Protein backbone atom coordinates (compact mmCIF):
# COMPACT_ATOMS: atom_id res chain seq x y z
CA MET A 1 -4.97 22.83 15.52
CA LYS A 2 -7.38 19.76 16.29
CA VAL A 3 -7.69 16.95 13.79
CA LEU A 4 -10.00 13.86 13.86
CA ILE A 5 -8.67 10.87 11.88
CA ILE A 6 -11.26 8.39 10.75
CA SER A 7 -9.80 4.92 9.63
CA GLY A 8 -10.07 1.21 10.24
CA PHE A 9 -7.18 0.06 12.47
CA ALA A 10 -9.18 -3.03 13.32
CA SER A 11 -6.18 -5.33 12.92
CA LYS A 12 -2.53 -5.43 13.58
CA SER A 13 -1.53 -5.87 9.91
CA ASN A 14 1.43 -4.18 8.45
CA SER A 15 -0.76 -2.12 6.13
CA ASN A 16 -1.74 0.03 9.09
CA ARG A 17 1.58 0.73 10.44
CA PRO A 18 2.73 3.47 8.03
CA LEU A 19 -0.39 5.56 8.97
CA ALA A 20 -0.25 4.77 12.62
CA GLU A 21 3.42 5.78 12.93
CA MET A 22 2.77 9.07 10.91
CA LEU A 23 -0.14 9.92 13.39
CA LEU A 24 2.13 9.30 16.31
CA GLY A 25 4.84 11.58 14.78
CA LEU A 26 2.25 14.31 14.30
CA LYS A 27 1.20 13.98 17.88
CA ARG A 28 4.87 14.26 19.00
CA ASN A 29 5.11 17.34 16.84
CA GLY A 30 2.30 19.08 18.89
CA VAL A 31 -0.59 18.37 16.46
CA ASP A 32 -3.68 17.63 18.48
CA ILE A 33 -4.78 14.34 16.97
CA ASP A 34 -7.70 12.14 17.90
CA VAL A 35 -8.63 8.93 16.21
CA LEU A 36 -11.91 7.13 15.49
CA LEU A 37 -11.13 3.55 14.64
CA ALA A 38 -13.40 0.53 13.72
CA GLY A 39 -12.65 -1.91 16.62
CA TYR A 40 -10.01 -2.73 19.29
CA SER A 41 -6.49 -3.51 18.04
CA HIS A 42 -3.10 -2.73 19.65
CA TYR A 43 -3.26 0.53 17.87
CA TYR A 44 -5.88 1.68 20.46
CA ASP A 45 -3.40 1.28 23.20
CA LEU A 46 -0.57 2.91 21.19
CA PHE A 47 -2.73 5.98 20.48
CA LEU A 48 -3.98 6.38 24.14
CA ASP A 49 -0.53 6.10 25.43
CA ALA A 50 0.44 8.92 23.08
CA GLY A 51 -2.17 11.07 24.69
CA MET A 52 -4.77 10.94 21.84
CA GLN A 53 -8.50 10.60 22.36
CA VAL A 54 -9.57 7.33 20.82
CA PHE A 55 -13.12 6.66 19.82
CA VAL A 56 -14.30 3.06 18.66
CA HIS A 57 -17.14 3.03 16.09
CA HIS A 58 -17.62 0.68 13.30
CA ILE A 59 -19.17 2.23 10.17
CA PRO A 60 -20.96 -0.69 8.64
CA LYS A 61 -21.89 0.61 5.25
CA LYS A 62 -21.38 3.53 2.82
CA PHE A 63 -24.37 5.52 4.19
CA ASN A 64 -25.28 4.85 7.78
CA LEU A 65 -27.34 7.33 9.59
CA PRO A 66 -26.16 6.41 13.13
CA SER A 67 -22.50 6.72 11.93
CA ILE A 68 -23.32 10.12 10.29
CA ARG A 69 -24.89 11.30 13.60
CA TYR A 70 -22.11 9.93 15.77
CA ILE A 71 -19.29 11.71 13.56
CA ARG A 72 -21.28 14.88 13.63
CA LYS A 73 -21.62 14.93 17.32
CA LEU A 74 -17.81 14.24 17.74
CA VAL A 75 -16.95 17.07 15.56
CA LYS A 76 -19.33 19.65 17.20
CA THR A 77 -18.34 18.48 20.66
CA ASN A 78 -14.67 18.52 20.25
CA LYS A 79 -14.52 21.50 17.80
CA TYR A 80 -12.18 19.91 15.27
CA ASP A 81 -10.51 22.06 12.69
CA ILE A 82 -9.97 19.13 10.25
CA VAL A 83 -11.40 15.77 9.69
CA HIS A 84 -9.23 13.36 7.74
CA LEU A 85 -11.24 10.48 6.23
CA TYR A 86 -9.04 7.49 5.23
CA ASN A 87 -11.49 5.02 3.53
CA ASN A 88 -14.59 5.24 1.41
CA LYS A 89 -17.05 4.37 4.25
CA ALA A 90 -15.39 7.10 6.32
CA ALA A 91 -15.50 9.59 3.41
CA ASN A 92 -19.24 8.97 2.38
CA ASN A 93 -20.45 9.26 6.00
CA GLY A 94 -17.93 11.78 7.22
CA ILE A 95 -18.69 14.39 4.44
CA LEU A 96 -22.48 14.11 5.20
CA ALA A 97 -21.80 14.54 8.90
CA THR A 98 -19.77 17.73 8.41
CA ILE A 99 -22.32 19.65 6.22
CA GLY A 100 -22.76 23.06 7.59
CA LEU A 101 -20.01 22.82 10.16
CA PRO A 102 -16.92 24.94 10.16
CA VAL A 103 -14.37 22.21 9.63
CA LYS A 104 -12.00 21.36 6.82
CA VAL A 105 -12.57 17.89 5.22
CA VAL A 106 -9.65 15.87 3.90
CA THR A 107 -9.97 12.45 2.03
CA TYR A 108 -7.29 9.91 1.26
CA ARG A 109 -6.80 8.02 -2.04
CA GLY A 110 -4.40 5.09 -2.43
CA TYR A 111 -5.47 3.84 -5.68
CA THR A 112 -5.39 4.91 -9.33
CA GLY A 113 -8.68 4.90 -11.10
CA ASN A 114 -12.35 4.92 -10.26
CA VAL A 115 -12.41 8.61 -9.22
CA LEU A 116 -13.81 10.09 -12.42
CA TRP A 117 -15.54 13.41 -13.23
CA TYR A 118 -18.27 11.60 -15.21
CA LYS A 119 -18.95 9.05 -12.51
CA PRO A 120 -21.76 10.28 -10.17
CA THR A 121 -20.51 8.25 -7.17
CA SER A 122 -17.21 10.18 -7.26
CA TYR A 123 -19.09 13.23 -6.05
CA ILE A 124 -20.26 11.34 -2.88
CA ASN A 125 -16.72 11.41 -1.81
CA HIS A 126 -13.47 12.74 -3.28
CA LEU A 127 -15.04 15.16 -5.86
CA ASN A 128 -17.60 16.55 -3.34
CA PRO A 129 -17.37 20.27 -3.06
CA LYS A 130 -17.07 19.81 0.78
CA VAL A 131 -13.73 18.13 0.34
CA ASP A 132 -10.90 20.60 0.85
CA LYS A 133 -7.92 18.35 0.12
CA ILE A 134 -7.35 14.85 -1.22
CA THR A 135 -4.07 13.34 0.14
CA CYS A 136 -2.76 10.79 -2.49
CA VAL A 137 -0.30 8.02 -1.69
CA SER A 138 1.79 8.62 -4.87
CA ASN A 139 2.26 11.18 -7.78
CA ALA A 140 0.62 8.59 -9.99
CA VAL A 141 -2.61 8.72 -7.88
CA ARG A 142 -2.33 12.47 -7.50
CA ASP A 143 -2.08 13.04 -11.23
CA GLN A 144 -4.96 10.73 -11.91
CA VAL A 145 -7.25 12.67 -9.49
CA ARG A 146 -6.16 16.01 -10.79
CA LYS A 147 -7.28 15.16 -14.29
CA GLN A 148 -10.84 14.97 -12.91
CA PHE A 149 -10.90 18.79 -11.93
CA LEU A 150 -11.28 21.62 -14.42
CA PHE A 151 -10.32 23.99 -11.86
CA ASN A 152 -8.41 23.85 -8.49
CA LYS A 153 -6.29 20.79 -9.47
CA ASN A 154 -4.06 21.45 -6.50
CA LYS A 155 -6.75 20.07 -4.30
CA ALA A 156 -4.96 16.69 -4.87
CA ILE A 157 -1.63 16.40 -3.34
CA THR A 158 0.96 13.64 -2.61
CA VAL A 159 1.85 12.44 0.87
CA TYR A 160 3.69 9.26 0.72
CA LYS A 161 3.09 6.62 3.39
CA GLY A 162 6.49 6.66 5.05
CA HIS A 163 8.44 3.54 6.32
CA ASP A 164 11.27 2.94 8.80
CA ILE A 165 13.95 0.69 7.72
CA ASN A 166 14.42 -0.32 11.32
CA TRP A 167 10.90 -1.98 11.23
CA TYR A 168 12.55 -4.77 9.29
CA LYS A 169 15.91 -5.28 11.00
CA ASP A 170 14.74 -8.26 13.03
CA ILE A 171 13.15 -10.12 9.95
CA LYS A 172 15.05 -13.38 9.57
CA PRO A 173 14.95 -15.74 6.55
CA ILE A 174 13.03 -18.89 6.91
CA PRO A 175 14.96 -22.00 5.89
CA ARG A 176 13.97 -22.89 2.43
CA ASN A 177 13.60 -26.52 3.14
CA LYS A 178 10.54 -25.57 5.30
CA ILE A 179 8.62 -24.73 2.19
CA GLY A 180 10.14 -27.25 -0.12
CA VAL A 181 12.54 -24.86 -2.03
CA PRO A 182 16.10 -26.21 -2.52
CA ASP A 183 18.80 -24.12 -1.09
CA GLU A 184 20.55 -23.80 -4.38
CA ALA A 185 17.46 -22.78 -6.36
CA PHE A 186 16.79 -19.31 -7.55
CA MET A 187 13.76 -18.30 -5.64
CA VAL A 188 11.26 -15.77 -6.91
CA ILE A 189 8.39 -14.63 -4.81
CA LEU A 190 5.01 -12.84 -5.21
CA VAL A 191 3.08 -11.66 -2.19
CA ALA A 192 -0.40 -10.17 -2.90
CA ASN A 193 -4.00 -10.69 -2.28
CA ALA A 194 -5.00 -12.43 -5.45
CA ARG A 195 -7.41 -9.78 -6.94
CA ILE A 196 -7.54 -9.45 -10.74
CA MET A 197 -5.61 -6.17 -10.65
CA LYS A 198 -2.65 -8.03 -9.16
CA GLY A 199 -1.98 -9.94 -12.47
CA VAL A 200 -1.02 -13.20 -10.75
CA LYS A 201 -1.77 -15.27 -13.84
CA TYR A 202 1.10 -13.47 -15.72
CA PHE A 203 3.41 -14.63 -12.86
CA ILE A 204 2.43 -18.17 -13.50
CA GLU A 205 2.65 -17.85 -17.29
CA ALA A 206 6.05 -16.57 -17.05
CA SER A 207 7.22 -20.07 -16.28
CA HIS A 208 6.33 -21.20 -19.75
CA TYR A 209 9.19 -18.98 -21.03
CA LEU A 210 11.66 -20.68 -18.60
CA GLU A 211 11.39 -24.39 -19.55
CA GLY A 212 15.07 -24.64 -19.91
CA ASP A 213 15.90 -23.65 -16.47
CA SER A 214 14.54 -25.94 -13.90
CA ASN A 215 16.40 -24.24 -11.07
CA ILE A 216 13.98 -21.40 -10.74
CA HIS A 217 11.28 -21.82 -8.06
CA PHE A 218 8.17 -19.71 -7.85
CA VAL A 219 6.56 -18.97 -4.48
CA MET A 220 3.13 -17.42 -4.18
CA ILE A 221 1.73 -15.99 -0.89
CA GLY A 222 -1.63 -14.30 -0.16
CA LYS A 223 -5.25 -14.55 0.23
CA GLY A 224 -6.78 -16.45 -2.85
CA MET A 225 -3.38 -17.56 -4.26
CA ASN A 226 -4.39 -21.34 -3.97
CA SER A 227 -7.65 -20.79 -5.78
CA PRO A 228 -8.64 -23.54 -8.23
CA GLU A 229 -8.13 -21.16 -11.19
CA TYR A 230 -4.53 -20.54 -10.29
CA MET A 231 -3.99 -24.18 -9.33
CA GLU A 232 -5.18 -25.19 -12.76
CA LYS A 233 -2.87 -22.77 -14.45
CA ILE A 234 0.10 -23.99 -12.45
CA ASP A 235 -0.76 -27.58 -13.32
CA LYS A 236 -0.23 -26.65 -17.00
CA SER A 237 3.05 -25.14 -16.45
CA PRO A 238 6.26 -26.93 -17.60
CA LEU A 239 7.70 -25.97 -14.20
CA LYS A 240 4.72 -27.05 -12.11
CA GLU A 241 6.80 -28.88 -9.68
CA GLN A 242 8.84 -25.67 -8.96
CA PHE A 243 5.69 -23.73 -7.74
CA HIS A 244 5.00 -23.32 -3.96
CA VAL A 245 1.63 -21.88 -3.31
CA PHE A 246 0.32 -20.56 0.08
CA GLY A 247 -2.66 -18.52 1.22
CA PHE A 248 -2.18 -15.79 3.88
CA ARG A 249 0.89 -16.30 6.09
CA SER A 250 1.79 -14.06 9.00
CA ASP A 251 5.53 -14.83 8.26
CA SER A 252 5.32 -13.60 4.63
CA LEU A 253 8.19 -11.04 5.32
CA ASN A 254 10.47 -13.93 6.53
CA LEU A 255 9.74 -15.72 3.29
CA VAL A 256 10.49 -12.52 1.26
CA SER A 257 13.82 -12.47 3.21
CA SER A 258 14.49 -16.03 1.95
CA SER A 259 13.95 -15.26 -1.58
CA ASP A 260 16.37 -13.99 -4.38
CA VAL A 261 13.91 -11.73 -6.18
CA ALA A 262 10.46 -10.09 -5.34
CA VAL A 263 7.96 -9.54 -8.06
CA LEU A 264 4.90 -7.36 -8.44
CA THR A 265 2.76 -8.16 -11.54
CA SER A 266 -0.01 -5.57 -11.04
CA ILE A 267 -1.96 -4.66 -14.39
CA LYS A 268 -3.69 -1.49 -12.96
CA GLY A 269 -4.65 0.53 -9.87
CA GLU A 270 -1.54 0.32 -7.98
CA GLY A 271 -0.93 3.31 -5.84
CA LEU A 272 2.25 2.66 -3.90
CA SER A 273 2.94 -1.01 -3.29
CA ARG A 274 3.54 -1.88 0.37
CA THR A 275 4.95 -5.42 -0.45
CA THR A 276 7.44 -3.76 -2.84
CA ILE A 277 8.52 -1.24 -0.09
CA GLU A 278 8.91 -4.13 2.24
CA ALA A 279 11.06 -6.16 -0.10
CA MET A 280 13.24 -3.20 -0.82
CA SER A 281 13.57 -2.51 2.89
CA LEU A 282 14.65 -6.10 3.23
CA SER A 283 17.36 -5.48 0.60
CA LYS A 284 15.73 -7.62 -2.02
CA PRO A 285 15.87 -6.72 -5.65
CA VAL A 286 12.42 -6.29 -7.29
CA ILE A 287 10.75 -6.64 -10.59
CA ALA A 288 7.45 -4.58 -11.10
CA THR A 289 5.14 -3.71 -13.82
CA ASP A 290 5.03 -0.11 -15.12
CA VAL A 291 1.72 0.83 -13.69
CA GLY A 292 0.62 3.33 -11.08
CA GLY A 293 3.05 4.43 -8.63
CA ASN A 294 5.50 1.57 -9.25
CA SER A 295 7.97 3.77 -11.12
CA GLU A 296 8.29 6.03 -8.13
CA LEU A 297 9.68 3.00 -6.17
CA VAL A 298 11.30 1.07 -8.92
CA ILE A 299 13.48 3.25 -11.04
CA ASN A 300 14.32 1.03 -13.95
CA ASN A 301 17.84 -0.44 -13.83
CA GLU A 302 18.62 1.67 -10.69
CA THR A 303 16.47 0.47 -7.85
CA GLY A 304 14.92 -2.54 -9.69
CA LEU A 305 13.49 -3.59 -13.02
CA LEU A 306 10.36 -2.11 -14.54
CA ILE A 307 8.56 -4.39 -17.13
CA PRO A 308 5.45 -3.93 -19.25
CA ARG A 309 2.13 -5.08 -17.64
CA LYS A 310 0.51 -8.28 -19.04
CA SER A 311 3.77 -9.50 -20.43
CA PRO A 312 4.85 -12.90 -19.00
CA ARG A 313 7.66 -13.00 -21.52
CA ALA A 314 9.15 -9.80 -20.29
CA LEU A 315 8.82 -10.99 -16.74
CA ALA A 316 10.64 -14.33 -17.60
CA GLU A 317 13.43 -12.27 -19.31
CA ALA A 318 13.74 -9.97 -16.29
CA ILE A 319 13.94 -13.11 -13.86
CA LEU A 320 16.67 -14.50 -16.07
CA LYS A 321 18.55 -11.30 -16.16
CA MET A 322 18.34 -11.14 -12.42
CA LYS A 323 19.37 -14.74 -12.07
CA ASN A 324 22.44 -14.56 -14.46
CA ASN A 325 23.86 -11.27 -12.91
CA PRO A 326 24.38 -11.74 -9.25
CA ALA A 327 26.69 -8.78 -8.74
CA TRP A 328 24.32 -6.42 -10.64
CA ARG A 329 21.36 -7.82 -8.70
CA GLU A 330 23.06 -7.04 -5.47
CA LYS A 331 23.72 -3.47 -6.59
CA LEU A 332 19.96 -3.25 -7.46
CA ALA A 333 19.13 -4.45 -4.02
CA LYS A 334 21.51 -1.88 -2.22
CA THR A 335 20.30 1.03 -4.27
CA GLY A 336 16.74 0.10 -3.66
CA TYR A 337 17.27 -0.16 0.04
CA ASN A 338 18.74 3.30 -0.02
CA HIS A 339 15.93 4.84 -2.03
CA ILE A 340 13.47 3.66 0.58
CA LYS A 341 15.61 4.76 3.43
CA GLN A 342 16.30 8.20 2.01
CA ASN A 343 12.86 9.18 0.25
CA PHE A 344 10.20 7.21 1.90
CA ARG A 345 10.86 7.92 5.51
CA THR A 346 8.20 8.29 8.20
CA GLU A 347 9.67 11.55 9.23
CA ASN A 348 9.13 12.93 5.59
CA SER A 349 5.43 11.94 5.75
CA VAL A 350 4.93 13.53 9.18
CA GLN A 351 6.46 16.82 7.78
CA GLN A 352 4.40 16.71 4.62
CA MET A 353 1.15 15.96 6.40
CA GLU A 354 1.76 18.74 9.03
CA LYS A 355 2.26 21.25 6.34
CA VAL A 356 -1.04 20.28 4.68
CA TYR A 357 -2.86 20.72 8.05
CA GLU A 358 -1.20 24.06 8.72
CA ASN A 359 -2.05 25.36 5.21
CA LEU A 360 -5.66 24.37 5.65
CA VAL A 361 -6.11 25.88 9.01
CA SER A 362 -4.24 29.15 8.03
């Protein structure tokens, strides 16, 4: 069984680690894995050391004839049984590259929405008849994709991106005074790239329902968090002096470790939130909106708190509930940690994916 994985891996970001570790696990289990990645990163060396063939090729756009030819040549030369395409550029070009070749095609979906039966562009990738399986990052994503099929709904299946609790054991809290947060304050953190779907404005607006409690501090980390739009909203907050806003930081996990509660305010599209998994792996209680795959991580009142999307009042009430019940908050954190440790393990992902590949080949 020979498998070609096409993904980015161009950076050392934490977002790449679950997939990389799953591939390394598959290789250790005897699956013949090769990887095509977009550019050099430390994953290149990791894959080589594991005995994989590694090809470097950047796919610059959704349809690129040189990329199509390159992928087709690789598939024919190495006689792959399966090609697994992990992003839209890979899917669009990879599907065209395999037309007429005896190879199974698998795509990956990590987002709820946009794959729609009435949307012509969906047939360029995930809904293309050439696609044999769609591996989805959560049941929520799987169910949304299945609704687009009249027949063969089982083409879409769930394979969670597994994590290892040990990845986080050396993460140490950063002293709060380094970011201007008092030691005695109740620190609430939001880590996200500030796209509209992340609902950042509702995180800010929650402060309007907490006027009477000046001991709550809000920390915002991620690309775009310090945009003029958000800074203007913060300036109108009654707790504006309690906001601490940063762009991208490589030490974001250390700041999560310093916090009391981690928050996710997404309003749509959430597949399986990596930042929520990371917070739970750091034994931090979480508050998340009830969209996408969030409920698979955050079981309400068991592993965290689920709140309605677009509801700053509900978020404020959840923050106060967490703040005023420290023993209960600690219990949520412990249960959340165990939930990730038991149900979202890298070993589980390896076993699930190996079964997918075996079924396709057989």
